[in-house]
Amino acid sequence: DQPTSGSVVIDQQELANLDDGDLTQLRRDKVGFIFQSFNLLPVL
């Protein structure tokens, strides 16, 4: 999600400076997620 104001930095990269593609890549490479509902694919 995007803040109304203020900034978030992950691994020295300010998220507001990233376009959608770069943000997707940063999340893919730098961030892991664990959710309450597991979110596993049932066919795998």
PDB file of all heavy atoms in Angstrom:
ATOM      1  N   ASP A   1       0.870  -1.170   0.000  1.00  0.00           N
ATOM      2  CA  ASP A   1       0.000   0.000   0.000  1.00  0.00           C
ATOM      3  C   ASP A   1       0.912   1.226   0.000  1.00  0.00           C
ATOM      4  O   ASP A   1       2.102   1.133   0.342  1.00  0.00           O
ATOM      5  CB  ASP A   1      -0.917  -0.014   1.231  1.00  0.00           C
ATOM      6  CG  ASP A   1      -2.001   1.061   1.189  1.00  0.00           C
ATOM      7  OD1 ASP A   1      -2.208   1.637   0.103  1.00  0.00           O
ATOM      8  OD2 ASP A   1      -2.622   1.328   2.237  1.00  0.00           O
ATOM      9  N   GLN A   2       0.366   2.371  -0.389  1.00  0.00           N
ATOM     10  CA  GLN A   2       1.158   3.600  -0.441  1.00  0.00           C
ATOM     11  C   GLN A   2       0.732   4.545   0.671  1.00  0.00           C
ATOM     12  O   GLN A   2      -0.469   4.698   0.933  1.00  0.00           O
ATOM     13  CB  GLN A   2       0.986   4.284  -1.800  1.00  0.00           C
ATOM     14  CG  GLN A   2       1.548   3.483  -2.963  1.00  0.00           C
ATOM     15  CD  GLN A   2       1.396   4.219  -4.276  1.00  0.00           C
ATOM     16  OE1 GLN A   2       0.569   5.122  -4.417  1.00  0.00           O
ATOM     17  NE2 GLN A   2       2.196   3.832  -5.252  1.00  0.00           N
ATOM     18  N   PRO A   3       1.687   5.189   1.325  1.00  0.00           N
ATOM     19  CA  PRO A   3       1.331   6.131   2.395  1.00  0.00           C
ATOM     20  C   PRO A   3       0.728   7.410   1.840  1.00  0.00           C
ATOM     21  O   PRO A   3       0.971   7.783   0.687  1.00  0.00           O
ATOM     22  CB  PRO A   3       2.677   6.403   3.072  1.00  0.00           C
ATOM     23  CG  PRO A   3       3.698   6.204   1.992  1.00  0.00           C
ATOM     24  CD  PRO A   3       3.154   5.093   1.133  1.00  0.00           C
ATOM     25  N   THR A   4      -0.057   8.080   2.658  1.00  0.00           N
ATOM     26  CA  THR A   4      -0.545   9.412   2.316  1.00  0.00           C
ATOM     27  C   THR A   4       0.606  10.396   2.338  1.00  0.00           C
ATOM     28  O   THR A   4       0.701  11.290   1.494  1.00  0.00           O
ATOM     29  CB  THR A   4      -1.652   9.830   3.302  1.00  0.00           C
ATOM     30  OG1 THR A   4      -2.693   8.850   3.269  1.00  0.00           O
ATOM     31  CG2 THR A   4      -2.218  11.186   2.941  1.00  0.00           C
ATOM     32  N   SER A   5       1.507  10.222   3.299  1.00  0.00           N
ATOM     33  CA  SER A   5       2.739  11.011   3.349  1.00  0.00           C
ATOM     34  C   SER A   5       3.769  10.229   4.150  1.00  0.00           C
ATOM     35  O   SER A   5       3.446   9.242   4.813  1.00  0.00           O
ATOM     36  CB  SER A   5       2.495  12.390   3.986  1.00  0.00           C
ATOM     37  OG  SER A   5       2.047  12.252   5.328  1.00  0.00           O
ATOM     38  N   GLY A   6       5.010  10.682   4.083  1.00  0.00           N
ATOM     39  CA  GLY A   6       6.094   9.958   4.733  1.00  0.00           C
ATOM     40  C   GLY A   6       6.751   8.983   3.771  1.00  0.00           C
ATOM     41  O   GLY A   6       6.370   8.900   2.597  1.00  0.00           O
ATOM     42  N   SER A   7       7.744   8.257   4.269  1.00  0.00           N
ATOM     43  CA  SER A   7       8.508   7.381   3.381  1.00  0.00           C
ATOM     44  C   SER A   7       8.796   6.038   4.017  1.00  0.00           C
ATOM     45  O   SER A   7       8.841   5.906   5.245  1.00  0.00           O
ATOM     46  CB  SER A   7       9.833   8.050   2.982  1.00  0.00           C
ATOM     47  OG  SER A   7      10.670   8.199   4.115  1.00  0.00           O
ATOM     48  N   VAL A   8       8.995   5.041   3.150  1.00  0.00           N
ATOM     49  CA  VAL A   8       9.415   3.704   3.559  1.00  0.00           C
ATOM     50  C   VAL A   8      10.657   3.344   2.749  1.00  0.00           C
ATOM     51  O   VAL A   8      10.694   3.553   1.531  1.00  0.00           O
ATOM     52  CB  VAL A   8       8.312   2.655   3.305  1.00  0.00           C
ATOM     53  CG1 VAL A   8       8.822   1.247   3.606  1.00  0.00           C
ATOM     54  CG2 VAL A   8       7.075   2.959   4.134  1.00  0.00           C
ATOM     55  N   VAL A   9      11.667   2.815   3.430  1.00  0.00           N
ATOM     56  CA  VAL A   9      12.910   2.406   2.790  1.00  0.00           C
ATOM     57  C   VAL A   9      13.161   0.937   3.104  1.00  0.00           C
ATOM     58  O   VAL A   9      13.102   0.532   4.272  1.00  0.00           O
ATOM     59  CB  VAL A   9      14.102   3.260   3.270  1.00  0.00           C
ATOM     60  CG1 VAL A   9      15.410   2.752   2.675  1.00  0.00           C
ATOM     61  CG2 VAL A   9      13.893   4.724   2.907  1.00  0.00           C
ATOM     62  N   ILE A  10      13.395   0.127   2.065  1.00  0.00           N
ATOM     63  CA  ILE A  10      13.772  -1.273   2.232  1.00  0.00           C
ATOM     64  C   ILE A  10      15.138  -1.464   1.597  1.00  0.00           C
ATOM     65  O   ILE A  10      15.308  -1.182   0.403  1.00  0.00           O
ATOM     66  CB  ILE A  10      12.757  -2.231   1.590  1.00  0.00           C
ATOM     67  CG1 ILE A  10      11.400  -2.159   2.294  1.00  0.00           C
ATOM     68  CG2 ILE A  10      13.275  -3.673   1.624  1.00  0.00           C
ATOM     69  CD1 ILE A  10      10.340  -3.058   1.669  1.00  0.00           C
ATOM     70  N   ASP A  11      16.087  -1.924   2.377  1.00  0.00           N
ATOM     71  CA  ASP A  11      17.434  -2.207   1.875  1.00  0.00           C
ATOM     72  C   ASP A  11      17.976  -1.026   1.067  1.00  0.00           C
ATOM     73  O   ASP A  11      18.475  -1.185  -0.043  1.00  0.00           O
ATOM     74  CB  ASP A  11      17.417  -3.488   1.030  1.00  0.00           C
ATOM     75  CG  ASP A  11      18.802  -4.123   0.931  1.00  0.00           C
ATOM     76  OD1 ASP A  11      19.694  -3.729   1.707  1.00  0.00           O
ATOM     77  OD2 ASP A  11      18.982  -5.001   0.067  1.00  0.00           O
ATOM     78  N   GLN A  12      17.842   0.166   1.649  1.00  0.00           N
ATOM     79  CA  GLN A  12      18.381   1.417   1.106  1.00  0.00           C
ATOM     80  C   GLN A  12      17.646   1.926  -0.137  1.00  0.00           C
ATOM     81  O   GLN A  12      18.127   2.837  -0.805  1.00  0.00           O
ATOM     82  CB  GLN A  12      19.885   1.281   0.805  1.00  0.00           C
ATOM     83  CG  GLN A  12      20.707   0.899   2.019  1.00  0.00           C
ATOM     84  CD  GLN A  12      22.188   0.784   1.726  1.00  0.00           C
ATOM     85  OE1 GLN A  12      22.691   1.338   0.757  1.00  0.00           O
ATOM     86  NE2 GLN A  12      22.904   0.064   2.580  1.00  0.00           N
ATOM     87  N   GLN A  13      16.497   1.365  -0.437  1.00  0.00           N
ATOM     88  CA  GLN A  13      15.703   1.848  -1.569  1.00  0.00           C
ATOM     89  C   GLN A  13      14.391   2.439  -1.071  1.00  0.00           C
ATOM     90  O   GLN A  13      13.608   1.749  -0.411  1.00  0.00           O
ATOM     91  CB  GLN A  13      15.415   0.712  -2.552  1.00  0.00           C
ATOM     92  CG  GLN A  13      16.656   0.137  -3.226  1.00  0.00           C
ATOM     93  CD  GLN A  13      16.288  -0.801  -4.345  1.00  0.00           C
ATOM     94  OE1 GLN A  13      15.762  -0.395  -5.378  1.00  0.00           O
ATOM     95  NE2 GLN A  13      16.568  -2.088  -4.150  1.00  0.00           N
ATOM     96  N   GLU A  14      14.159   3.720  -1.389  1.00  0.00           N
ATOM     97  CA  GLU A  14      12.915   4.366  -0.990  1.00  0.00           C
ATOM     98  C   GLU A  14      11.804   3.930  -1.942  1.00  0.00           C
ATOM     99  O   GLU A  14      11.907   4.090  -3.166  1.00  0.00           O
ATOM    100  CB  GLU A  14      13.058   5.888  -1.005  1.00  0.00           C
ATOM    101  CG  GLU A  14      11.821   6.585  -0.474  1.00  0.00           C
ATOM    102  CD  GLU A  14      12.061   8.042  -0.133  1.00  0.00           C
ATOM    103  OE1 GLU A  14      13.229   8.426   0.073  1.00  0.00           O
ATOM    104  OE2 GLU A  14      11.068   8.792  -0.083  1.00  0.00           O
ATOM    105  N   LEU A  15      10.739   3.365  -1.376  1.00  0.00           N
ATOM    106  CA  LEU A  15       9.702   2.768  -2.200  1.00  0.00           C
ATOM    107  C   LEU A  15       9.012   3.786  -3.100  1.00  0.00           C
ATOM    108  O   LEU A  15       8.620   3.457  -4.225  1.00  0.00           O
ATOM    109  CB  LEU A  15       8.666   2.062  -1.318  1.00  0.00           C
ATOM    110  CG  LEU A  15       9.181   0.944  -0.395  1.00  0.00           C
ATOM    111  CD1 LEU A  15       8.010   0.140   0.153  1.00  0.00           C
ATOM    112  CD2 LEU A  15      10.174   0.044  -1.091  1.00  0.00           C
ATOM    113  N   ALA A  16       8.885   5.021  -2.638  1.00  0.00           N
ATOM    114  CA  ALA A  16       8.194   6.044  -3.432  1.00  0.00           C
ATOM    115  C   ALA A  16       8.934   6.364  -4.721  1.00  0.00           C
ATOM    116  O   ALA A  16       8.338   6.901  -5.668  1.00  0.00           O
ATOM    117  CB  ALA A  16       8.015   7.314  -2.603  1.00  0.00           C
ATOM    118  N   ASN A  17      10.221   6.047  -4.783  1.00  0.00           N
ATOM    119  CA  ASN A  17      11.023   6.345  -5.973  1.00  0.00           C
ATOM    120  C   ASN A  17      10.965   5.230  -7.013  1.00  0.00           C
ATOM    121  O   ASN A  17      11.585   5.344  -8.077  1.00  0.00           O
ATOM    122  CB  ASN A  17      12.484   6.588  -5.588  1.00  0.00           C
ATOM    123  CG  ASN A  17      12.657   7.838  -4.751  1.00  0.00           C
ATOM    124  OD1 ASN A  17      11.815   8.738  -4.785  1.00  0.00           O
ATOM    125  ND2 ASN A  17      13.732   7.901  -3.987  1.00  0.00           N
ATOM    126  N   LEU A  18      10.262   4.143  -6.710  1.00  0.00           N
ATOM    127  CA  LEU A  18      10.231   2.985  -7.610  1.00  0.00           C
ATOM    128  C   LEU A  18       8.950   2.967  -8.425  1.00  0.00           C
ATOM    129  O   LEU A  18       7.872   3.259  -7.904  1.00  0.00           O
ATOM    130  CB  LEU A  18      10.335   1.689  -6.796  1.00  0.00           C
ATOM    131  CG  LEU A  18      11.551   1.550  -5.870  1.00  0.00           C
ATOM    132  CD1 LEU A  18      11.471   0.232  -5.105  1.00  0.00           C
ATOM    133  CD2 LEU A  18      12.861   1.637  -6.650  1.00  0.00           C
ATOM    134  N   ASP A  19       9.053   2.612  -9.709  1.00  0.00           N
ATOM    135  CA  ASP A  19       7.844   2.409 -10.494  1.00  0.00           C
ATOM    136  C   ASP A  19       7.283   1.028 -10.174  1.00  0.00           C
ATOM    137  O   ASP A  19       7.873   0.262  -9.398  1.00  0.00           O
ATOM    138  CB  ASP A  19       8.107   2.576 -11.991  1.00  0.00           C
ATOM    139  CG  ASP A  19       9.125   1.575 -12.549  1.00  0.00           C
ATOM    140  OD1 ASP A  19       9.278   0.483 -11.973  1.00  0.00           O
ATOM    141  OD2 ASP A  19       9.762   1.900 -13.571  1.00  0.00           O
ATOM    142  N   ASP A  20       6.144   0.687 -10.762  1.00  0.00           N
ATOM    143  CA  ASP A  20       5.473  -0.564 -10.412  1.00  0.00           C
ATOM    144  C   ASP A  20       6.358  -1.776 -10.667  1.00  0.00           C
ATOM    145  O   ASP A  20       6.392  -2.723  -9.864  1.00  0.00           O
ATOM    146  CB  ASP A  20       4.166  -0.704 -11.203  1.00  0.00           C
ATOM    147  CG  ASP A  20       3.085   0.240 -10.705  1.00  0.00           C
ATOM    148  OD1 ASP A  20       3.250   0.801  -9.608  1.00  0.00           O
ATOM    149  OD2 ASP A  20       2.078   0.421 -11.427  1.00  0.00           O
ATOM    150  N   GLY A  21       7.081  -1.770 -11.782  1.00  0.00           N
ATOM    151  CA  GLY A  21       7.944  -2.904 -12.110  1.00  0.00           C
ATOM    152  C   GLY A  21       9.080  -3.065 -11.128  1.00  0.00           C
ATOM    153  O   GLY A  21       9.373  -4.178 -10.675  1.00  0.00           O
ATOM    154  N   ASP A  22       9.711  -1.943 -10.771  1.00  0.00           N
ATOM    155  CA  ASP A  22      10.827  -1.996  -9.822  1.00  0.00           C
ATOM    156  C   ASP A  22      10.348  -2.390  -8.430  1.00  0.00           C
ATOM    157  O   ASP A  22      11.031  -3.109  -7.705  1.00  0.00           O
ATOM    158  CB  ASP A  22      11.554  -0.644  -9.757  1.00  0.00           C
ATOM    159  CG  ASP A  22      12.349  -0.349 -11.019  1.00  0.00           C
ATOM    160  OD1 ASP A  22      12.701  -1.303 -11.740  1.00  0.00           O
ATOM    161  OD2 ASP A  22      12.613   0.843 -11.285  1.00  0.00           O
ATOM    162  N   LEU A  23       9.154  -1.894  -8.053  1.00  0.00           N
ATOM    163  CA  LEU A  23       8.596  -2.240  -6.749  1.00  0.00           C
ATOM    164  C   LEU A  23       8.272  -3.730  -6.685  1.00  0.00           C
ATOM    165  O   LEU A  23       8.550  -4.399  -5.682  1.00  0.00           O
ATOM    166  CB  LEU A  23       7.345  -1.412  -6.475  1.00  0.00           C
ATOM    167  CG  LEU A  23       6.649  -1.642  -5.130  1.00  0.00           C
ATOM    168  CD1 LEU A  23       7.597  -1.377  -3.970  1.00  0.00           C
ATOM    169  CD2 LEU A  23       5.414  -0.762  -5.011  1.00  0.00           C
ATOM    170  N   THR A  24       7.701  -4.264  -7.762  1.00  0.00           N
ATOM    171  CA  THR A  24       7.416  -5.697  -7.819  1.00  0.00           C
ATOM    172  C   THR A  24       8.697  -6.509  -7.691  1.00  0.00           C
ATOM    173  O   THR A  24       8.745  -7.505  -6.957  1.00  0.00           O
ATOM    174  CB  THR A  24       6.710  -6.042  -9.145  1.00  0.00           C
ATOM    175  OG1 THR A  24       5.450  -5.361  -9.187  1.00  0.00           O
ATOM    176  CG2 THR A  24       6.466  -7.538  -9.257  1.00  0.00           C
ATOM    177  N   GLN A  25       9.746  -6.075  -8.369  1.00  0.00           N
ATOM    178  CA  GLN A  25      11.012  -6.796  -8.313  1.00  0.00           C
ATOM    179  C   GLN A  25      11.627  -6.717  -6.920  1.00  0.00           C
ATOM    180  O   GLN A  25      12.156  -7.709  -6.406  1.00  0.00           O
ATOM    181  CB  GLN A  25      11.992  -6.242  -9.340  1.00  0.00           C
ATOM    182  CG  GLN A  25      13.321  -6.996  -9.369  1.00  0.00           C
ATOM    183  CD  GLN A  25      14.234  -6.558 -10.495  1.00  0.00           C
ATOM    184  OE1 GLN A  25      13.801  -5.917 -11.448  1.00  0.00           O
ATOM    185  NE2 GLN A  25      15.510  -6.898 -10.390  1.00  0.00           N
ATOM    186  N   LEU A  26      11.542  -5.540  -6.280  1.00  0.00           N
ATOM    187  CA  LEU A  26      12.092  -5.409  -4.939  1.00  0.00           C
ATOM    188  C   LEU A  26      11.359  -6.319  -3.962  1.00  0.00           C
ATOM    189  O   LEU A  26      11.982  -6.997  -3.143  1.00  0.00           O
ATOM    190  CB  LEU A  26      12.006  -3.953  -4.464  1.00  0.00           C
ATOM    191  CG  LEU A  26      12.508  -3.743  -3.039  1.00  0.00           C
ATOM    192  CD1 LEU A  26      13.653  -2.741  -3.004  1.00  0.00           C
ATOM    193  CD2 LEU A  26      11.382  -3.282  -2.122  1.00  0.00           C
ATOM    194  N   ARG A  27      10.021  -6.350  -4.062  1.00  0.00           N
ATOM    195  CA  ARG A  27       9.261  -7.231  -3.170  1.00  0.00           C
ATOM    196  C   ARG A  27       9.625  -8.691  -3.413  1.00  0.00           C
ATOM    197  O   ARG A  27       9.734  -9.480  -2.481  1.00  0.00           O
ATOM    198  CB  ARG A  27       7.760  -7.017  -3.364  1.00  0.00           C
ATOM    199  CG  ARG A  27       7.220  -5.752  -2.738  1.00  0.00           C
ATOM    200  CD  ARG A  27       5.725  -5.828  -2.523  1.00  0.00           C
ATOM    201  NE  ARG A  27       5.014  -6.099  -3.758  1.00  0.00           N
ATOM    202  CZ  ARG A  27       4.366  -5.193  -4.473  1.00  0.00           C
ATOM    203  NH1 ARG A  27       4.357  -3.927  -4.080  1.00  0.00           N
ATOM    204  NH2 ARG A  27       3.731  -5.523  -5.575  1.00  0.00           N
ATOM    205  N   ARG A  28       9.811  -9.043  -4.693  1.00  0.00           N
ATOM    206  CA  ARG A  28      10.125 -10.418  -5.048  1.00  0.00           C
ATOM    207  C   ARG A  28      11.494 -10.838  -4.530  1.00  0.00           C
ATOM    208  O   ARG A  28      11.688 -11.956  -4.044  1.00  0.00           O
ATOM    209  CB  ARG A  28      10.076 -10.563  -6.573  1.00  0.00           C
ATOM    210  CG  ARG A  28      10.238 -11.969  -7.097  1.00  0.00           C
ATOM    211  CD  ARG A  28      10.182 -11.964  -8.608  1.00  0.00           C
ATOM    212  NE  ARG A  28      11.341 -11.270  -9.166  1.00  0.00           N
ATOM    213  CZ  ARG A  28      11.373 -10.726 -10.385  1.00  0.00           C
ATOM    214  NH1 ARG A  28      10.301 -10.751 -11.151  1.00  0.00           N
ATOM    215  NH2 ARG A  28      12.467 -10.140 -10.832  1.00  0.00           N
ATOM    216  N   ASP A  29      12.471  -9.912  -4.594  1.00  0.00           N
ATOM    217  CA  ASP A  29      13.852 -10.242  -4.256  1.00  0.00           C
ATOM    218  C   ASP A  29      14.199  -9.994  -2.792  1.00  0.00           C
ATOM    219  O   ASP A  29      15.064 -10.674  -2.237  1.00  0.00           O
ATOM    220  CB  ASP A  29      14.826  -9.429  -5.123  1.00  0.00           C
ATOM    221  CG  ASP A  29      14.723  -9.779  -6.596  1.00  0.00           C
ATOM    222  OD1 ASP A  29      14.171 -10.860  -6.917  1.00  0.00           O
ATOM    223  OD2 ASP A  29      15.190  -8.976  -7.430  1.00  0.00           O
ATOM    224  N   LYS A  30      13.535  -9.024  -2.175  1.00  0.00           N
ATOM    225  CA  LYS A  30      13.969  -8.576  -0.850  1.00  0.00           C
ATOM    226  C   LYS A  30      12.991  -8.884   0.273  1.00  0.00           C
ATOM    227  O   LYS A  30      13.327  -8.740   1.449  1.00  0.00           O
ATOM    228  CB  LYS A  30      14.209  -7.048  -0.865  1.00  0.00           C
ATOM    229  CG  LYS A  30      15.214  -6.573  -1.894  1.00  0.00           C
ATOM    230  CD  LYS A  30      16.626  -6.973  -1.523  1.00  0.00           C
ATOM    231  CE  LYS A  30      17.635  -6.340  -2.471  1.00  0.00           C
ATOM    232  NZ  LYS A  30      19.025  -6.730  -2.117  1.00  0.00           N
ATOM    233  N   VAL A  31      11.757  -9.297  -0.089  1.00  0.00           N
ATOM    234  CA  VAL A  31      10.695  -9.411   0.918  1.00  0.00           C
ATOM    235  C   VAL A  31      10.076 -10.805   0.878  1.00  0.00           C
ATOM    236  O   VAL A  31       9.817 -11.356  -0.197  1.00  0.00           O
ATOM    237  CB  VAL A  31       9.602  -8.348   0.677  1.00  0.00           C
ATOM    238  CG1 VAL A  31       8.450  -8.529   1.656  1.00  0.00           C
ATOM    239  CG2 VAL A  31      10.188  -6.946   0.800  1.00  0.00           C
ATOM    240  N   GLY A  32       9.848 -11.379   2.056  1.00  0.00           N
ATOM    241  CA  GLY A  32       9.087 -12.615   2.184  1.00  0.00           C
ATOM    242  C   GLY A  32       7.819 -12.340   2.971  1.00  0.00           C
ATOM    243  O   GLY A  32       7.800 -11.451   3.832  1.00  0.00           O
ATOM    244  N   PHE A  33       6.750 -13.071   2.661  1.00  0.00           N
ATOM    245  CA  PHE A  33       5.463 -12.867   3.320  1.00  0.00           C
ATOM    246  C   PHE A  33       4.960 -14.169   3.930  1.00  0.00           C
ATOM    247  O   PHE A  33       5.054 -15.228   3.308  1.00  0.00           O
ATOM    248  CB  PHE A  33       4.406 -12.368   2.324  1.00  0.00           C
ATOM    249  CG  PHE A  33       4.709 -11.051   1.686  1.00  0.00           C
ATOM    250  CD1 PHE A  33       5.304 -10.996   0.441  1.00  0.00           C
ATOM    251  CD2 PHE A  33       4.410  -9.861   2.335  1.00  0.00           C
ATOM    252  CE1 PHE A  33       5.594  -9.784  -0.159  1.00  0.00           C
ATOM    253  CE2 PHE A  33       4.704  -8.651   1.750  1.00  0.00           C
ATOM    254  CZ  PHE A  33       5.293  -8.603   0.495  1.00  0.00           C
ATOM    255  N   ILE A  34       4.401 -14.061   5.129  1.00  0.00           N
ATOM    256  CA  ILE A  34       3.702 -15.178   5.755  1.00  0.00           C
ATOM    257  C   ILE A  34       2.354 -14.638   6.209  1.00  0.00           C
ATOM    258  O   ILE A  34       2.282 -13.650   6.941  1.00  0.00           O
ATOM    259  CB  ILE A  34       4.465 -15.737   6.972  1.00  0.00           C
ATOM    260  CG1 ILE A  34       5.899 -16.126   6.591  1.00  0.00           C
ATOM    261  CG2 ILE A  34       3.736 -16.945   7.555  1.00  0.00           C
ATOM    262  CD1 ILE A  34       6.795 -16.372   7.780  1.00  0.00           C
ATOM    263  N   PHE A  35       1.281 -15.295   5.748  1.00  0.00           N
ATOM    264  CA  PHE A  35      -0.063 -14.824   6.034  1.00  0.00           C
ATOM    265  C   PHE A  35      -0.783 -15.789   6.975  1.00  0.00           C
ATOM    266  O   PHE A  35      -0.452 -16.969   7.051  1.00  0.00           O
ATOM    267  CB  PHE A  35      -0.868 -14.692   4.740  1.00  0.00           C
ATOM    268  CG  PHE A  35      -0.264 -13.752   3.737  1.00  0.00           C
ATOM    269  CD1 PHE A  35       0.517 -14.231   2.697  1.00  0.00           C
ATOM    270  CD2 PHE A  35      -0.479 -12.390   3.831  1.00  0.00           C
ATOM    271  CE1 PHE A  35       1.079 -13.372   1.764  1.00  0.00           C
ATOM    272  CE2 PHE A  35       0.080 -11.516   2.912  1.00  0.00           C
ATOM    273  CZ  PHE A  35       0.858 -12.009   1.876  1.00  0.00           C
ATOM    274  N   GLN A  36      -1.787 -15.278   7.653  1.00  0.00           N
ATOM    275  CA  GLN A  36      -2.577 -16.092   8.571  1.00  0.00           C
ATOM    276  C   GLN A  36      -3.249 -17.246   7.835  1.00  0.00           C
ATOM    277  O   GLN A  36      -3.401 -18.348   8.363  1.00  0.00           O
ATOM    278  CB  GLN A  36      -3.626 -15.214   9.246  1.00  0.00           C
ATOM    279  CG  GLN A  36      -4.522 -15.946  10.233  1.00  0.00           C
ATOM    280  CD  GLN A  36      -5.474 -15.005  10.952  1.00  0.00           C
ATOM    281  OE1 GLN A  36      -5.293 -13.795  10.929  1.00  0.00           O
ATOM    282  NE2 GLN A  36      -6.498 -15.545  11.569  1.00  0.00           N
ATOM    283  N   SER A  37      -3.633 -17.005   6.581  1.00  0.00           N
ATOM    284  CA  SER A  37      -4.401 -17.999   5.826  1.00  0.00           C
ATOM    285  C   SER A  37      -3.524 -18.905   4.958  1.00  0.00           C
ATOM    286  O   SER A  37      -4.038 -19.581   4.060  1.00  0.00           O
ATOM    287  CB  SER A  37      -5.437 -17.289   4.948  1.00  0.00           C
ATOM    288  OG  SER A  37      -4.805 -16.345   4.101  1.00  0.00           O
ATOM    289  N   PHE A  38      -2.213 -18.908   5.195  1.00  0.00           N
ATOM    290  CA  PHE A  38      -1.242 -19.789   4.513  1.00  0.00           C
ATOM    291  C   PHE A  38      -1.018 -19.387   3.058  1.00  0.00           C
ATOM    292  O   PHE A  38       0.107 -19.279   2.611  1.00  0.00           O
ATOM    293  CB  PHE A  38      -1.629 -21.276   4.561  1.00  0.00           C
ATOM    294  CG  PHE A  38      -2.102 -21.786   5.883  1.00  0.00           C
ATOM    295  CD1 PHE A  38      -3.043 -22.799   5.941  1.00  0.00           C
ATOM    296  CD2 PHE A  38      -1.626 -21.267   7.084  1.00  0.00           C
ATOM    297  CE1 PHE A  38      -3.495 -23.291   7.159  1.00  0.00           C
ATOM    298  CE2 PHE A  38      -2.068 -21.745   8.308  1.00  0.00           C
ATOM    299  CZ  PHE A  38      -3.004 -22.759   8.346  1.00  0.00           C
ATOM    300  N   ASN A  39      -2.120 -19.236   2.263  1.00  0.00           N
ATOM    301  CA  ASN A  39      -2.013 -18.844   0.851  1.00  0.00           C
ATOM    302  C   ASN A  39      -1.155 -19.801   0.030  1.00  0.00           C
ATOM    303  O   ASN A  39      -0.336 -19.377  -0.796  1.00  0.00           O
ATOM    304  CB  ASN A  39      -1.464 -17.408   0.724  1.00  0.00           C
ATOM    305  CG  ASN A  39      -2.508 -16.359   1.065  1.00  0.00           C
ATOM    306  OD1 ASN A  39      -3.604 -16.686   1.507  1.00  0.00           O
ATOM    307  ND2 ASN A  39      -2.165 -15.107   0.885  1.00  0.00           N
ATOM    308  N   LEU A  40      -1.330 -21.096   0.245  1.00  0.00           N
ATOM    309  CA  LEU A  40      -0.642 -22.094  -0.572  1.00  0.00           C
ATOM    310  C   LEU A  40      -1.512 -22.443  -1.781  1.00  0.00           C
ATOM    311  O   LEU A  40      -2.739 -22.419  -1.710  1.00  0.00           O
ATOM    312  CB  LEU A  40      -0.375 -23.364   0.241  1.00  0.00           C
ATOM    313  CG  LEU A  40       0.435 -23.193   1.532  1.00  0.00           C
ATOM    314  CD1 LEU A  40       0.635 -24.553   2.196  1.00  0.00           C
ATOM    315  CD2 LEU A  40       1.770 -22.527   1.269  1.00  0.00           C
ATOM    316  N   LEU A  41      -0.880 -22.783  -2.896  1.00  0.00           N
ATOM    317  CA  LEU A  41      -1.629 -23.212  -4.067  1.00  0.00           C
ATOM    318  C   LEU A  41      -1.999 -24.685  -3.917  1.00  0.00           C
ATOM    319  O   LEU A  41      -1.119 -25.533  -3.759  1.00  0.00           O
ATOM    320  CB  LEU A  41      -0.812 -22.998  -5.336  1.00  0.00           C
ATOM    321  CG  LEU A  41      -0.607 -21.544  -5.769  1.00  0.00           C
ATOM    322  CD1 LEU A  41       0.085 -21.489  -7.121  1.00  0.00           C
ATOM    323  CD2 LEU A  41      -1.924 -20.782  -5.832  1.00  0.00           C
ATOM    324  N   PRO A  42      -3.289 -25.012  -3.989  1.00  0.00           N
ATOM    325  CA  PRO A  42      -3.735 -26.374  -3.679  1.00  0.00           C
ATOM    326  C   PRO A  42      -3.252 -27.436  -4.660  1.00  0.00           C
ATOM    327  O   PRO A  42      -3.173 -28.613  -4.306  1.00  0.00           O
ATOM    328  CB  PRO A  42      -5.264 -26.268  -3.692  1.00  0.00           C
ATOM    329  CG  PRO A  42      -5.567 -25.051  -4.495  1.00  0.00           C
ATOM    330  CD  PRO A  42      -4.421 -24.109  -4.251  1.00  0.00           C
ATOM    331  N   VAL A  43      -2.925 -27.034  -5.895  1.00  0.00           N
ATOM    332  CA  VAL A  43      -2.525 -28.032  -6.899  1.00  0.00           C
ATOM    333  C   VAL A  43      -1.035 -28.347  -6.838  1.00  0.00           C
ATOM    334  O   VAL A  43      -0.566 -29.256  -7.525  1.00  0.00           O
ATOM    335  CB  VAL A  43      -2.884 -27.548  -8.322  1.00  0.00           C
ATOM    336  CG1 VAL A  43      -4.384 -27.385  -8.447  1.00  0.00           C
ATOM    337  CG2 VAL A  43      -2.162 -26.258  -8.678  1.00  0.00           C
ATOM    338  N   LEU A  44      -0.283 -27.613  -6.013  1.00  0.00           N
ATOM    339  CA  LEU A  44       1.163 -27.824  -5.918  1.00  0.00           C
ATOM    340  C   LEU A  44       1.509 -28.615  -4.667  1.00  0.00           C
ATOM    341  O   LEU A  44       0.816 -28.535  -3.652  1.00  0.00           O
ATOM    342  CB  LEU A  44       1.899 -26.484  -5.887  1.00  0.00           C
ATOM    343  CG  LEU A  44       1.727 -25.560  -7.090  1.00  0.00           C
ATOM    344  CD1 LEU A  44       2.590 -24.318  -6.917  1.00  0.00           C
ATOM    345  CD2 LEU A  44       2.070 -26.271  -8.389  1.00  0.00           C
TER     346      LEU A  44
END
